[in-house]
Amino acid sequence: MAQPAPAGEGADPGDAPLGPRAATAPLPESVNVAARRARLRTMRWRATLLLLGFAVVFVVLQLWGSDATAVGYLESAIEAGMVGGLADWFAVVVLFRHPLGVPIPHTAIIPTRKQQFGETLGEFVQSSFLTPDAIAERVGAARVTARLAAWLAVPANAERLAGYAADAAVTAADVLRDEEVHEAIEDAVRARIDATPLAPLAGRTLRLVTDEGRHQEVLDVVLRAVDRFLTDNQASLRARFGAESPWWLPGAAEDRIFARLLDGARQVLADVVADPDHELRHDVDARVRRLVDELESSPAMIARGEELKDELLAQPDLRAWVTTVWQDLKAELRSQADDPSSGLRRRLAAAIAAAGARLRDDPALAERTDRAIEAGARYVAGQFSDEIGGIVTTTVARWDARETADRLELLLGPDLQFIRINGTLVGATAGLAIHAVARLLG
């Protein structure tokens, strides 16, 4: 913290303390405070020694002076120089403290008027530095887009930013309350399902399948599956056939009948699979297309679809499914974010690097981005300049009054000491000139 110079080290007569310090926020310490303090002390000594030198000469002249004309000129210069030096010492000291500790009115200006100083500084910063035009001009001169594009195009930077983005996503997911997320997802799912007619949607989906002939492929799969089922379950089917046959039918006849039925069924299946133009295929095709038309236009089918949808939405398992989906999503997001080589991190890094390269290589896009940034800066400056200016005012208001004066004296004091020196010298010159004019006129 800034302290007043101790007595004997260039202290002025007005270095008396202002009084007890308010319990306010301390000022941040500057890295070159010690150097500034040493320079201030040196300049104080110079100004003070010059004034003391004039005082010593004045005393000598009063004790051992003579009536010589030159002594009169010197005495007038010394007297005026002392007056000028003391006046400028007073003028400098009253900025920071009460001279000699005496609370003379309108002294210790900075400590006593710190609040007004902060308000004035805040208004000055707001009106001179935070105008939309000034901010936009500075943002434009900074070449934000070009520098950002060059930075993003570097793979290492893109990977680092991807890591930050992934971590931010995990943090956001952790901040959200699971119950609220579950409700939001469930409400969204319910609203989406409720707003979508089920039967027409199924009809459009089925029409898409039939228009591309995919239903025939499905039919082939079904026919082959039925053939395998007949082959694999031949024994159980034979037993069931025997149980359903009349009691008077001989077993050998049952075997022949069952074998003929099984072989016939498998032959029909094989014929349909082998013949793309089989009549069974045409029949299935006609039935499917008729079903599509009914799903899309039949009131009964549409009503039945809505009933099925309502039954689905009424199931309590929907909330459990939503909970599971959210928990799995969070776990997968955390796992991907923690792994630098994960697909999520790699895709994010690639997208960021690609965006940087495009900004760098596309002048039109870069220009639009620059305009957007400048427009955003203008908006912020126009909408929040009062708040930003208020930061200066409130920050200065929190500073300790004496520390504020000490710190400003460290900043301005060395130059202000030149005022004391100049005041002493200018006063001596003025006194000499006045004495000369008086002699000429006398």
Protein backbone atom coordinates (compact mmCIF):
# COMPACT_ATOMS: atom_id res chain seq x y z
CA MET A 1 0.00 0.00 0.00
CA ALA A 2 1.13 3.59 -0.63
CA GLN A 3 2.48 5.23 2.51
CA PRO A 4 3.50 8.88 3.08
CA ALA A 5 7.20 9.53 2.88
CA PRO A 6 8.76 9.27 6.34
CA ALA A 7 10.15 12.39 7.95
CA GLY A 8 13.68 13.14 6.92
CA GLU A 9 13.29 11.53 3.49
CA GLY A 10 12.03 14.40 1.42
CA ALA A 11 8.86 14.88 3.42
CA ASP A 12 7.09 18.17 2.84
CA PRO A 13 5.62 20.25 5.67
CA GLY A 14 2.14 19.11 4.57
CA ASP A 15 2.72 15.37 4.84
CA ALA A 16 0.66 15.03 8.00
CA PRO A 17 -1.91 12.22 7.89
CA LEU A 18 -5.45 13.04 6.89
CA GLY A 19 -7.09 10.97 9.61
CA PRO A 20 -8.30 7.39 10.16
CA ARG A 21 -8.80 5.39 6.97
CA ALA A 22 -12.23 4.18 6.00
CA ALA A 23 -12.83 0.46 5.90
CA THR A 24 -13.04 0.35 2.12
CA ALA A 25 -11.58 -1.81 -0.61
CA PRO A 26 -7.79 -1.54 -1.05
CA LEU A 27 -6.41 -0.47 -4.39
CA PRO A 28 -4.62 -3.09 -6.50
CA GLU A 29 -0.87 -2.76 -6.08
CA SER A 30 1.10 -1.70 -9.15
CA VAL A 31 4.28 -3.55 -10.05
CA ASN A 32 6.32 -0.30 -10.26
CA VAL A 33 5.12 1.36 -7.05
CA ALA A 34 8.60 1.23 -5.50
CA ALA A 35 10.18 2.95 -8.50
CA ARG A 36 7.50 5.63 -8.55
CA ARG A 37 7.89 6.21 -4.82
CA ALA A 38 11.64 6.64 -5.18
CA ARG A 39 11.21 9.12 -8.03
CA LEU A 40 8.60 11.08 -6.05
CA ARG A 41 10.93 11.23 -3.04
CA THR A 42 13.79 12.49 -5.22
CA MET A 43 11.69 15.21 -6.81
CA ARG A 44 10.35 16.29 -3.41
CA TRP A 45 13.89 16.67 -2.12
CA ARG A 46 14.92 18.73 -5.11
CA ALA A 47 11.99 21.12 -4.78
CA THR A 48 12.36 21.36 -1.01
CA LEU A 49 16.14 21.89 -1.13
CA LEU A 50 15.72 24.66 -3.69
CA LEU A 51 13.22 26.40 -1.41
CA LEU A 52 15.49 25.90 1.62
CA GLY A 53 18.42 27.27 -0.39
CA PHE A 54 16.47 30.45 -1.10
CA ALA A 55 15.58 30.69 2.61
CA VAL A 56 19.22 30.35 3.65
CA VAL A 57 20.28 33.08 1.21
CA PHE A 58 17.46 35.29 2.55
CA VAL A 59 18.67 34.82 6.13
CA VAL A 60 22.27 35.59 5.12
CA LEU A 61 21.19 38.75 3.36
CA GLN A 62 19.22 39.90 6.37
CA LEU A 63 22.13 39.30 8.76
CA TRP A 64 25.06 40.46 6.66
CA GLY A 65 23.46 42.39 3.84
CA SER A 66 24.46 45.83 2.65
CA ASP A 67 22.92 48.77 0.84
CA ALA A 68 24.53 47.84 -2.47
CA THR A 69 22.31 47.99 -5.52
CA ALA A 70 23.09 44.38 -6.50
CA VAL A 71 22.08 43.18 -3.04
CA GLY A 72 18.72 44.84 -3.46
CA TYR A 73 18.10 43.04 -6.72
CA LEU A 74 19.16 39.73 -5.17
CA GLU A 75 17.01 40.27 -2.08
CA SER A 76 13.93 41.02 -4.19
CA ALA A 77 14.51 37.89 -6.31
CA ILE A 78 15.00 35.70 -3.22
CA GLU A 79 11.90 37.03 -1.47
CA ALA A 80 9.70 36.56 -4.55
CA GLY A 81 11.17 33.10 -5.16
CA MET A 82 10.34 32.04 -1.60
CA VAL A 83 6.79 33.34 -1.99
CA GLY A 84 6.38 31.52 -5.32
CA GLY A 85 7.86 28.30 -3.94
CA LEU A 86 5.68 28.34 -0.82
CA ALA A 87 2.56 29.16 -2.85
CA ASP A 88 3.17 26.30 -5.27
CA TRP A 89 4.05 23.94 -2.40
CA PHE A 90 0.68 24.81 -0.89
CA ALA A 91 -1.06 24.35 -4.24
CA VAL A 92 0.46 20.89 -4.71
CA VAL A 93 -0.06 19.69 -1.15
CA VAL A 94 -3.73 20.68 -0.95
CA LEU A 95 -4.50 18.25 -3.73
CA PHE A 96 -3.57 15.26 -1.57
CA ARG A 97 -3.71 16.31 2.13
CA HIS A 98 -4.25 19.12 4.60
CA PRO A 99 -1.14 21.34 4.73
CA LEU A 100 0.71 20.74 8.03
CA GLY A 101 -2.30 18.68 9.15
CA VAL A 102 -4.46 21.79 9.48
CA PRO A 103 -7.96 21.20 8.03
CA ILE A 104 -8.06 24.39 5.99
CA PRO A 105 -11.21 24.61 3.84
CA HIS A 106 -10.86 23.41 0.27
CA THR A 107 -7.72 21.38 0.98
CA ALA A 108 -7.14 17.59 0.71
CA ILE A 109 -9.18 17.88 -2.44
CA ILE A 110 -8.74 14.34 -3.78
CA PRO A 111 -9.56 12.48 -0.52
CA THR A 112 -12.52 14.69 0.33
CA ARG A 113 -13.93 14.81 -3.20
CA LYS A 114 -13.16 11.21 -4.17
CA GLN A 115 -16.83 10.46 -4.79
CA GLN A 116 -17.22 13.39 -7.19
CA PHE A 117 -13.93 12.45 -8.80
CA GLY A 118 -15.21 8.92 -9.43
CA GLU A 119 -18.48 10.19 -10.88
CA THR A 120 -16.67 12.66 -13.14
CA LEU A 121 -14.21 9.99 -14.27
CA GLY A 122 -17.04 7.57 -14.97
CA GLU A 123 -18.92 10.15 -17.03
CA PHE A 124 -15.74 11.03 -18.90
CA VAL A 125 -14.99 7.39 -19.73
CA GLN A 126 -18.60 6.82 -20.77
CA SER A 127 -18.85 9.90 -22.99
CA SER A 128 -15.34 9.79 -24.46
CA PHE A 129 -14.33 6.13 -24.69
CA LEU A 130 -17.49 4.01 -24.62
CA THR A 131 -19.42 5.63 -27.45
CA PRO A 132 -20.75 3.24 -30.13
CA ASP A 133 -18.61 4.87 -32.82
CA ALA A 134 -15.43 4.67 -30.76
CA ILE A 135 -16.02 1.05 -29.78
CA ALA A 136 -16.91 0.02 -33.34
CA GLU A 137 -13.84 1.78 -34.72
CA ARG A 138 -11.59 0.05 -32.22
CA VAL A 139 -13.16 -3.34 -32.87
CA GLY A 140 -12.76 -2.85 -36.62
CA ALA A 141 -9.10 -1.85 -36.23
CA ALA A 142 -8.46 -4.93 -34.10
CA ARG A 143 -9.18 -7.26 -37.08
CA VAL A 144 -11.05 -9.61 -34.77
CA THR A 145 -12.29 -11.96 -37.50
CA ALA A 146 -8.91 -12.39 -39.18
CA ARG A 147 -7.13 -13.03 -35.90
CA LEU A 148 -9.86 -15.36 -34.67
CA ALA A 149 -9.84 -17.30 -37.96
CA ALA A 150 -6.07 -17.74 -37.86
CA TRP A 151 -6.25 -18.93 -34.27
CA LEU A 152 -9.12 -21.37 -34.87
CA ALA A 153 -7.46 -22.86 -37.96
CA VAL A 154 -4.56 -24.15 -35.84
CA PRO A 155 -5.42 -27.79 -34.94
CA ALA A 156 -4.04 -27.51 -31.41
CA ASN A 157 -6.22 -24.48 -30.70
CA ALA A 158 -9.27 -26.16 -32.21
CA GLU A 159 -8.68 -29.23 -30.02
CA ARG A 160 -8.31 -27.06 -26.92
CA LEU A 161 -11.51 -25.16 -27.69
CA ALA A 162 -13.32 -28.42 -28.40
CA GLY A 163 -12.29 -29.64 -24.96
CA TYR A 164 -13.64 -26.45 -23.37
CA ALA A 165 -16.90 -26.80 -25.29
CA ALA A 166 -17.31 -30.44 -24.26
CA ASP A 167 -16.59 -29.60 -20.62
CA ALA A 168 -19.09 -26.75 -20.79
CA ALA A 169 -21.73 -29.13 -22.14
CA VAL A 170 -21.08 -31.56 -19.26
CA THR A 171 -21.29 -28.71 -16.76
CA ALA A 172 -24.56 -27.51 -18.26
CA ALA A 173 -25.96 -31.05 -18.12
CA ASP A 174 -24.95 -31.35 -14.46
CA VAL A 175 -26.44 -27.97 -13.58
CA LEU A 176 -29.83 -28.92 -15.02
CA ARG A 177 -32.16 -30.69 -12.60
CA ASP A 178 -32.87 -34.21 -13.82
CA GLU A 179 -36.55 -34.00 -12.90
CA GLU A 180 -37.05 -30.86 -14.95
CA VAL A 181 -35.19 -32.37 -17.91
CA HIS A 182 -37.29 -35.54 -17.69
CA GLU A 183 -40.48 -33.49 -17.69
CA ALA A 184 -39.29 -31.36 -20.59
CA ILE A 185 -38.31 -34.36 -22.72
CA GLU A 186 -41.49 -36.22 -21.85
CA ASP A 187 -43.63 -33.19 -22.66
CA ALA A 188 -41.81 -32.73 -25.96
CA VAL A 189 -42.23 -36.41 -26.88
CA ARG A 190 -45.90 -36.40 -25.90
CA ALA A 191 -46.59 -33.16 -27.77
CA ARG A 192 -44.83 -34.43 -30.88
CA ILE A 193 -46.61 -37.80 -30.84
CA ASP A 194 -49.95 -36.20 -30.00
CA ALA A 195 -49.66 -33.76 -32.89
CA THR A 196 -48.84 -36.50 -35.42
CA PRO A 197 -51.74 -38.62 -36.78
CA LEU A 198 -50.54 -42.20 -36.36
CA ALA A 199 -52.52 -43.98 -39.10
CA PRO A 200 -51.69 -41.53 -41.95
CA LEU A 201 -48.03 -41.56 -40.87
CA ALA A 202 -48.02 -45.37 -41.00
CA GLY A 203 -49.74 -45.22 -44.40
CA ARG A 204 -47.15 -42.80 -45.83
CA THR A 205 -44.33 -44.95 -44.49
CA LEU A 206 -45.85 -48.10 -45.94
CA ARG A 207 -46.48 -46.38 -49.28
CA LEU A 208 -42.82 -45.37 -49.44
CA VAL A 209 -41.85 -48.99 -48.85
CA THR A 210 -44.25 -50.36 -51.47
CA ASP A 211 -43.32 -47.75 -54.09
CA GLU A 212 -39.71 -48.93 -53.93
CA GLY A 213 -40.73 -52.62 -53.92
CA ARG A 214 -39.22 -53.25 -50.52
CA HIS A 215 -42.33 -55.09 -49.36
CA GLN A 216 -41.51 -57.90 -51.83
CA GLU A 217 -38.12 -58.29 -50.18
CA VAL A 218 -39.88 -58.48 -46.83
CA LEU A 219 -42.22 -61.09 -48.28
CA ASP A 220 -39.24 -63.19 -49.43
CA VAL A 221 -37.77 -63.06 -45.95
CA VAL A 222 -41.10 -64.10 -44.43
CA LEU A 223 -41.57 -66.99 -46.87
CA ARG A 224 -38.06 -68.34 -46.21
CA ALA A 225 -38.66 -68.02 -42.47
CA VAL A 226 -41.91 -70.00 -42.79
CA ASP A 227 -40.11 -72.69 -44.80
CA ARG A 228 -37.43 -73.01 -42.10
CA PHE A 229 -40.12 -73.16 -39.44
CA LEU A 230 -41.90 -76.02 -41.24
CA THR A 231 -38.65 -77.93 -41.62
CA ASP A 232 -37.39 -77.38 -38.09
CA ASN A 233 -40.73 -78.18 -36.42
CA GLN A 234 -41.80 -81.10 -38.59
CA ALA A 235 -42.03 -83.51 -35.64
CA SER A 236 -44.17 -81.25 -33.47
CA LEU A 237 -46.40 -80.42 -36.43
CA ARG A 238 -46.84 -84.14 -37.17
CA ALA A 239 -47.83 -84.75 -33.55
CA ARG A 240 -50.34 -81.94 -33.65
CA PHE A 241 -51.75 -83.24 -36.94
CA GLY A 242 -52.18 -86.68 -35.41
CA ALA A 243 -53.96 -85.24 -32.40
CA GLU A 244 -56.44 -83.42 -34.62
CA SER A 245 -57.06 -86.35 -37.07
CA PRO A 246 -60.13 -88.68 -36.72
CA TRP A 247 -59.53 -91.69 -34.47
CA TRP A 248 -60.47 -94.12 -37.13
CA LEU A 249 -57.80 -92.83 -39.63
CA PRO A 250 -54.90 -95.32 -39.82
CA GLY A 251 -51.44 -94.05 -38.82
CA ALA A 252 -49.92 -94.84 -42.21
CA ALA A 253 -52.58 -92.72 -43.90
CA GLU A 254 -51.91 -89.91 -41.47
CA ASP A 255 -48.22 -90.02 -42.34
CA ARG A 256 -48.90 -89.90 -46.08
CA ILE A 257 -51.43 -87.08 -45.76
CA PHE A 258 -49.12 -85.03 -43.49
CA ALA A 259 -46.14 -85.57 -45.80
CA ARG A 260 -48.19 -84.52 -48.83
CA LEU A 261 -49.47 -81.39 -47.04
CA LEU A 262 -45.99 -80.44 -45.78
CA ASP A 263 -44.36 -80.99 -49.16
CA GLY A 264 -47.13 -79.07 -50.89
CA ALA A 265 -46.82 -76.11 -48.53
CA ARG A 266 -43.04 -75.98 -48.93
CA GLN A 267 -43.39 -76.25 -52.71
CA VAL A 268 -45.82 -73.31 -52.77
CA LEU A 269 -43.40 -71.28 -50.68
CA ALA A 270 -40.51 -72.18 -52.99
CA ASP A 271 -42.55 -71.29 -56.08
CA VAL A 272 -43.45 -67.86 -54.69
CA VAL A 273 -39.84 -67.14 -53.73
CA ALA A 274 -38.56 -68.23 -57.12
CA ASP A 275 -41.20 -66.42 -59.23
CA PRO A 276 -41.21 -62.58 -59.02
CA ASP A 277 -44.47 -62.58 -61.00
CA HIS A 278 -46.31 -65.16 -58.87
CA GLU A 279 -50.01 -64.54 -58.35
CA LEU A 280 -49.54 -64.65 -54.57
CA ARG A 281 -47.15 -61.73 -54.85
CA HIS A 282 -49.76 -59.78 -56.82
CA ASP A 283 -52.36 -60.59 -54.21
CA VAL A 284 -50.07 -59.43 -51.36
CA ASP A 285 -49.24 -56.30 -53.33
CA ALA A 286 -52.91 -55.47 -53.84
CA ARG A 287 -53.73 -56.07 -50.17
CA VAL A 288 -50.83 -53.87 -49.01
CA ARG A 289 -51.82 -51.02 -51.32
CA ARG A 290 -55.40 -51.28 -50.16
CA LEU A 291 -54.17 -51.12 -46.55
CA VAL A 292 -52.13 -48.01 -47.38
CA ASP A 293 -55.20 -46.28 -48.82
CA GLU A 294 -57.27 -47.18 -45.76
CA LEU A 295 -54.58 -45.95 -43.35
CA GLU A 296 -54.39 -42.60 -45.13
CA SER A 297 -58.09 -42.00 -45.72
CA SER A 298 -60.36 -44.37 -43.77
CA PRO A 299 -61.97 -42.63 -40.76
CA ALA A 300 -62.18 -45.93 -38.94
CA MET A 301 -58.49 -46.68 -39.41
CA ILE A 302 -57.53 -43.12 -38.44
CA ALA A 303 -59.66 -43.35 -35.29
CA ARG A 304 -58.12 -46.69 -34.40
CA GLY A 305 -54.66 -45.23 -34.86
CA GLU A 306 -55.48 -42.39 -32.48
CA GLU A 307 -56.74 -44.91 -29.92
CA LEU A 308 -53.47 -46.82 -30.15
CA LYS A 309 -51.54 -43.56 -29.79
CA ASP A 310 -53.52 -42.60 -26.68
CA GLU A 311 -52.84 -46.03 -25.20
CA LEU A 312 -49.13 -45.56 -25.87
CA LEU A 313 -49.03 -42.13 -24.23
CA ALA A 314 -50.90 -43.46 -21.20
CA GLN A 315 -48.23 -46.06 -20.52
CA PRO A 316 -46.18 -45.29 -17.35
CA ASP A 317 -43.13 -46.80 -19.04
CA LEU A 318 -42.74 -43.62 -21.12
CA ARG A 319 -41.32 -41.70 -18.12
CA ALA A 320 -38.97 -44.58 -17.32
CA TRP A 321 -37.78 -44.62 -20.94
CA VAL A 322 -37.19 -40.85 -20.88
CA THR A 323 -35.23 -41.17 -17.62
CA THR A 324 -33.08 -43.91 -19.06
CA VAL A 325 -32.42 -41.94 -22.24
CA TRP A 326 -31.33 -38.83 -20.29
CA GLN A 327 -29.07 -40.77 -17.93
CA ASP A 328 -27.47 -42.63 -20.81
CA LEU A 329 -27.00 -39.36 -22.68
CA LYS A 330 -25.30 -37.70 -19.70
CA ALA A 331 -23.04 -40.66 -19.11
CA GLU A 332 -22.04 -40.83 -22.77
CA LEU A 333 -21.46 -37.06 -22.88
CA ARG A 334 -19.20 -37.18 -19.81
CA SER A 335 -17.28 -40.14 -21.20
CA GLN A 336 -16.78 -38.44 -24.57
CA ALA A 337 -15.77 -35.14 -22.95
CA ASP A 338 -13.14 -36.81 -20.74
CA ASP A 339 -11.50 -38.62 -23.66
CA PRO A 340 -9.38 -36.35 -25.90
CA SER A 341 -9.55 -38.95 -28.68
CA SER A 342 -13.33 -39.46 -28.48
CA GLY A 343 -15.51 -39.02 -31.51
CA LEU A 344 -17.27 -36.03 -29.98
CA ARG A 345 -14.03 -34.16 -29.25
CA ARG A 346 -12.58 -35.01 -32.67
CA ARG A 347 -15.72 -33.90 -34.52
CA LEU A 348 -15.91 -30.68 -32.52
CA ALA A 349 -12.23 -29.93 -33.20
CA ALA A 350 -12.65 -30.67 -36.89
CA ALA A 351 -15.73 -28.43 -37.10
CA ILE A 352 -13.96 -25.59 -35.27
CA ALA A 353 -10.85 -25.85 -37.47
CA ALA A 354 -13.02 -25.97 -40.59
CA ALA A 355 -14.91 -22.88 -39.45
CA GLY A 356 -11.63 -21.07 -38.86
CA ALA A 357 -10.29 -22.07 -42.27
CA ARG A 358 -13.48 -20.92 -43.96
CA LEU A 359 -13.38 -17.57 -42.17
CA ARG A 360 -9.74 -17.21 -43.22
CA ASP A 361 -10.24 -18.16 -46.87
CA ASP A 362 -13.65 -16.60 -47.57
CA PRO A 363 -13.36 -12.79 -47.72
CA ALA A 364 -17.12 -12.30 -48.10
CA LEU A 365 -17.86 -14.38 -45.02
CA ALA A 366 -15.11 -12.61 -43.08
CA GLU A 367 -16.56 -9.23 -44.04
CA ARG A 368 -20.04 -10.25 -42.93
CA THR A 369 -18.62 -11.52 -39.65
CA ASP A 370 -16.73 -8.26 -39.11
CA ARG A 371 -19.92 -6.29 -39.70
CA ALA A 372 -21.81 -8.52 -37.28
CA ILE A 373 -19.12 -8.08 -34.60
CA GLU A 374 -19.10 -4.32 -35.07
CA ALA A 375 -22.89 -4.24 -34.89
CA GLY A 376 -22.76 -6.28 -31.69
CA ALA A 377 -20.14 -3.95 -30.23
CA ARG A 378 -22.30 -0.94 -31.13
CA TYR A 379 -25.31 -2.56 -29.47
CA VAL A 380 -23.40 -3.36 -26.29
CA ALA A 381 -21.90 0.14 -26.16
CA GLY A 382 -25.32 1.70 -26.71
CA GLN A 383 -27.23 -0.50 -24.30
CA PHE A 384 -24.72 -0.95 -21.48
CA SER A 385 -22.52 2.17 -21.53
CA ASP A 386 -24.24 3.42 -18.35
CA GLU A 387 -23.46 0.18 -16.55
CA ILE A 388 -19.85 0.13 -17.78
CA GLY A 389 -19.36 3.78 -16.80
CA GLY A 390 -20.94 2.94 -13.45
CA ILE A 391 -18.21 0.36 -12.89
CA VAL A 392 -15.65 3.17 -12.83
CA THR A 393 -17.75 5.25 -10.44
CA THR A 394 -18.50 2.43 -8.01
CA THR A 395 -14.91 1.14 -8.15
CA VAL A 396 -13.49 4.53 -7.24
CA ALA A 397 -16.16 4.90 -4.55
CA ARG A 398 -14.95 1.66 -2.90
CA TRP A 399 -11.33 2.83 -2.79
CA ASP A 400 -9.90 4.07 0.49
CA ALA A 401 -9.69 7.89 0.36
CA ARG A 402 -6.12 8.17 1.67
CA GLU A 403 -4.89 5.33 -0.50
CA THR A 404 -6.47 7.00 -3.51
CA ALA A 405 -4.64 10.23 -2.74
CA ASP A 406 -1.36 8.36 -2.14
CA ARG A 407 -1.64 6.39 -5.35
CA LEU A 408 -2.50 9.45 -7.46
CA GLU A 409 0.37 11.32 -5.85
CA LEU A 410 2.70 8.50 -6.88
CA LEU A 411 1.39 8.87 -10.42
CA LEU A 412 1.32 12.67 -10.68
CA GLY A 413 3.56 13.81 -7.81
CA PRO A 414 6.95 13.81 -9.58
CA ASP A 415 5.61 16.11 -12.29
CA LEU A 416 3.84 18.29 -9.72
CA GLN A 417 7.14 18.81 -7.93
CA PHE A 418 8.36 20.55 -11.07
CA ILE A 419 5.58 23.05 -10.46
CA ARG A 420 7.20 23.84 -7.10
CA ILE A 421 10.61 24.20 -8.69
CA ASN A 422 9.27 26.34 -11.51
CA GLY A 423 7.24 28.41 -9.07
CA THR A 424 10.36 29.18 -7.06
CA LEU A 425 12.38 30.11 -10.13
CA VAL A 426 9.57 32.02 -11.86
CA GLY A 427 8.85 33.86 -8.62
CA ALA A 428 12.49 34.89 -8.29
CA THR A 429 12.52 36.07 -11.90
CA ALA A 430 9.29 38.02 -11.40
CA GLY A 431 10.63 39.61 -8.19
CA LEU A 432 13.81 40.61 -9.95
CA ALA A 433 11.83 42.14 -12.82
CA ILE A 434 9.47 44.00 -10.51
CA HIS A 435 12.37 45.40 -8.52
CA ALA A 436 14.07 46.50 -11.72
CA VAL A 437 10.91 48.25 -12.95
CA ALA A 438 10.53 49.93 -9.55
CA ARG A 439 14.10 51.21 -9.70
CA LEU A 440 13.64 52.54 -13.21
CA LEU A 441 10.38 54.31 -12.32
CA GLY A 442 11.78 55.62 -9.05
